[in-house]
Amino acid sequence: MQIDIRESIKKNFKDVSTNDIKLSIEEAISENDEITLPGLGVFFETLWKSSTDKQKEEILNKIKKNI
């Protein structure tokens, strides 16, 4: 059986509050568990796809600055 991680993450978070999403992100980061990386990647992908070119540039600059 093949699982579509993107759709599963989106489905699981569709009806939750922004605070729940924030807590999930903070927990994933604080646990430093690589199993949560795909979920964070889905969040990033949705952010990226909905961003303007200017916002993407800002995101890239923040990433570059903090690596």
N, C-alpha and C. Protein backbone atom coordinates (compact mmCIF):
# COMPACT_ATOMS: atom_id res chain seq x y z
N MET A 1 0.83 -1.18 0.00
CA MET A 1 0.00 0.00 0.00
C MET A 1 0.88 1.24 0.00
N GLN A 2 0.56 2.19 -0.87
CA GLN A 2 1.32 3.42 -0.96
C GLN A 2 0.54 4.55 -0.31
N ILE A 3 1.22 5.33 0.51
CA ILE A 3 0.59 6.43 1.23
C ILE A 3 1.02 7.74 0.59
N ASP A 4 0.06 8.62 0.33
CA ASP A 4 0.36 9.96 -0.16
C ASP A 4 0.54 10.86 1.05
N ILE A 5 1.79 11.10 1.41
CA ILE A 5 2.11 11.86 2.61
C ILE A 5 1.52 13.26 2.55
N ARG A 6 1.65 13.91 1.39
CA ARG A 6 1.12 15.27 1.26
C ARG A 6 -0.37 15.32 1.60
N GLU A 7 -1.13 14.45 0.98
CA GLU A 7 -2.57 14.46 1.19
C GLU A 7 -2.93 14.05 2.61
N SER A 8 -2.18 13.13 3.18
CA SER A 8 -2.43 12.70 4.55
C SER A 8 -2.21 13.85 5.53
N ILE A 9 -1.11 14.57 5.38
CA ILE A 9 -0.82 15.72 6.25
C ILE A 9 -1.90 16.78 6.10
N LYS A 10 -2.23 17.12 4.85
CA LYS A 10 -3.25 18.14 4.61
C LYS A 10 -4.59 17.74 5.22
N LYS A 11 -4.95 16.49 5.08
CA LYS A 11 -6.21 15.98 5.63
C LYS A 11 -6.19 16.07 7.16
N ASN A 12 -5.08 15.67 7.77
CA ASN A 12 -4.98 15.69 9.23
C ASN A 12 -5.02 17.09 9.83
N PHE A 13 -4.60 18.09 9.08
CA PHE A 13 -4.54 19.44 9.60
C PHE A 13 -5.61 20.37 9.02
N LYS A 14 -6.47 19.84 8.18
CA LYS A 14 -7.46 20.67 7.49
C LYS A 14 -8.35 21.48 8.45
N ASP A 15 -8.83 20.86 9.49
CA ASP A 15 -9.81 21.51 10.36
C ASP A 15 -9.25 21.91 11.73
N VAL A 16 -7.95 22.01 11.85
CA VAL A 16 -7.36 22.40 13.14
C VAL A 16 -7.11 23.90 13.15
N SER A 17 -6.92 24.44 14.33
CA SER A 17 -6.66 25.87 14.48
C SER A 17 -5.21 26.20 14.11
N THR A 18 -4.97 27.48 13.88
CA THR A 18 -3.59 27.92 13.61
C THR A 18 -2.70 27.64 14.82
N ASN A 19 -3.28 27.73 16.02
CA ASN A 19 -2.50 27.43 17.22
C ASN A 19 -2.09 25.95 17.25
N ASP A 20 -2.98 25.07 16.82
CA ASP A 20 -2.64 23.64 16.76
C ASP A 20 -1.51 23.40 15.76
N ILE A 21 -1.56 24.09 14.63
CA ILE A 21 -0.49 23.95 13.64
C ILE A 21 0.83 24.46 14.23
N LYS A 22 0.76 25.61 14.89
CA LYS A 22 1.97 26.18 15.53
C LYS A 22 2.55 25.20 16.54
N LEU A 23 1.70 24.65 17.39
CA LEU A 23 2.18 23.69 18.40
C LEU A 23 2.80 22.46 17.75
N SER A 24 2.21 21.99 16.66
CA SER A 24 2.76 20.83 15.96
C SER A 24 4.13 21.14 15.38
N ILE A 25 4.28 22.32 14.81
CA ILE A 25 5.58 22.73 14.26
C ILE A 25 6.62 22.84 15.37
N GLU A 26 6.26 23.52 16.45
CA GLU A 26 7.21 23.70 17.55
C GLU A 26 7.59 22.37 18.19
N GLU A 27 6.62 21.47 18.32
CA GLU A 27 6.92 20.15 18.88
C GLU A 27 7.84 19.36 17.97
N ALA A 28 7.57 19.41 16.66
CA ALA A 28 8.41 18.69 15.71
C ALA A 28 9.85 19.19 15.77
N ILE A 29 10.00 20.49 15.89
CA ILE A 29 11.35 21.07 15.94
C ILE A 29 12.03 20.73 17.27
N SER A 30 11.30 20.86 18.37
CA SER A 30 11.93 20.62 19.68
C SER A 30 12.30 19.16 19.89
N GLU A 31 11.52 18.25 19.30
CA GLU A 31 11.82 16.82 19.45
C GLU A 31 13.02 16.40 18.61
N ASN A 32 13.34 17.21 17.59
CA ASN A 32 14.48 16.93 16.73
C ASN A 32 14.40 15.52 16.14
N ASP A 33 13.19 15.09 15.82
CA ASP A 33 12.94 13.75 15.30
C ASP A 33 12.77 13.82 13.78
N GLU A 34 13.60 13.11 13.06
CA GLU A 34 13.58 13.19 11.60
C GLU A 34 12.30 12.65 10.99
N ILE A 35 11.54 11.89 11.73
CA ILE A 35 10.29 11.36 11.19
C ILE A 35 9.27 12.48 10.94
N THR A 36 9.44 13.62 11.61
CA THR A 36 8.52 14.74 11.42
C THR A 36 8.90 15.63 10.24
N LEU A 37 10.07 15.42 9.66
CA LEU A 37 10.51 16.26 8.55
C LEU A 37 9.58 16.26 7.35
N PRO A 38 9.01 15.13 6.95
CA PRO A 38 8.07 15.17 5.82
C PRO A 38 6.87 16.08 6.08
N GLY A 39 6.35 16.06 7.30
CA GLY A 39 5.22 16.93 7.63
C GLY A 39 5.60 18.39 7.55
N LEU A 40 6.78 18.72 8.07
CA LEU A 40 7.25 20.10 7.98
C LEU A 40 7.48 20.49 6.53
N GLY A 41 7.92 19.53 5.75
CA GLY A 41 8.12 19.78 4.32
C GLY A 41 6.82 20.09 3.60
N VAL A 42 5.75 19.42 4.00
CA VAL A 42 4.44 19.70 3.41
C VAL A 42 3.99 21.10 3.80
N PHE A 43 4.20 21.48 5.05
CA PHE A 43 3.87 22.85 5.46
C PHE A 43 4.66 23.86 4.64
N PHE A 44 5.96 23.60 4.47
CA PHE A 44 6.80 24.51 3.69
C PHE A 44 6.33 24.57 2.24
N GLU A 45 5.99 23.43 1.68
CA GLU A 45 5.53 23.39 0.29
C GLU A 45 4.27 24.24 0.10
N THR A 46 3.33 24.16 1.03
CA THR A 46 2.11 24.95 0.90
C THR A 46 2.42 26.44 1.04
N LEU A 47 3.34 26.77 1.94
CA LEU A 47 3.77 28.16 2.09
C LEU A 47 4.41 28.67 0.80
N TRP A 48 5.32 27.89 0.26
CA TRP A 48 6.05 28.26 -0.94
C TRP A 48 5.12 28.48 -2.13
N LYS A 49 4.20 27.53 -2.32
CA LYS A 49 3.28 27.61 -3.46
C LYS A 49 2.34 28.81 -3.38
N SER A 50 2.05 29.27 -2.17
CA SER A 50 1.12 30.39 -2.02
C SER A 50 1.82 31.73 -1.86
N SER A 51 3.13 31.75 -1.98
CA SER A 51 3.91 32.97 -1.80
C SER A 51 4.15 33.68 -3.13
N THR A 52 4.25 35.00 -3.03
CA THR A 52 4.62 35.80 -4.20
C THR A 52 6.13 35.65 -4.43
N ASP A 53 6.60 36.13 -5.56
CA ASP A 53 8.04 36.08 -5.83
C ASP A 53 8.82 36.86 -4.76
N LYS A 54 8.28 37.98 -4.33
CA LYS A 54 8.95 38.78 -3.30
C LYS A 54 9.01 38.01 -1.98
N GLN A 55 7.91 37.36 -1.61
CA GLN A 55 7.88 36.57 -0.38
C GLN A 55 8.85 35.40 -0.46
N LYS A 56 8.92 34.77 -1.64
CA LYS A 56 9.87 33.66 -1.82
C LYS A 56 11.30 34.13 -1.63
N GLU A 57 11.60 35.30 -2.15
CA GLU A 57 12.94 35.86 -1.99
C GLU A 57 13.24 36.10 -0.50
N GLU A 58 12.26 36.60 0.24
CA GLU A 58 12.43 36.81 1.67
C GLU A 58 12.66 35.49 2.41
N ILE A 59 11.89 34.48 2.04
CA ILE A 59 12.05 33.15 2.65
C ILE A 59 13.46 32.62 2.38
N LEU A 60 13.89 32.73 1.12
CA LEU A 60 15.23 32.25 0.75
C LEU A 60 16.31 33.00 1.51
N ASN A 61 16.17 34.31 1.65
CA ASN A 61 17.15 35.10 2.39
C ASN A 61 17.19 34.70 3.86
N LYS A 62 16.03 34.42 4.47
CA LYS A 62 16.00 33.98 5.86
C LYS A 62 16.68 32.62 6.01
N ILE A 63 16.39 31.73 5.09
CA ILE A 63 17.01 30.41 5.15
C ILE A 63 18.53 30.54 5.02
N LYS A 64 18.97 31.27 4.02
CA LYS A 64 20.41 31.44 3.77
C LYS A 64 21.10 32.06 4.98
N LYS A 65 20.47 33.07 5.57
CA LYS A 65 21.04 33.77 6.71
C LYS A 65 21.21 32.84 7.92
N ASN A 66 20.30 31.90 8.06
CA ASN A 66 20.28 31.08 9.27
C ASN A 66 20.90 29.69 9.11
N ILE A 67 21.43 29.41 7.93
CA ILE A 67 22.11 28.12 7.75
C ILE A 67 23.56 28.26 8.14
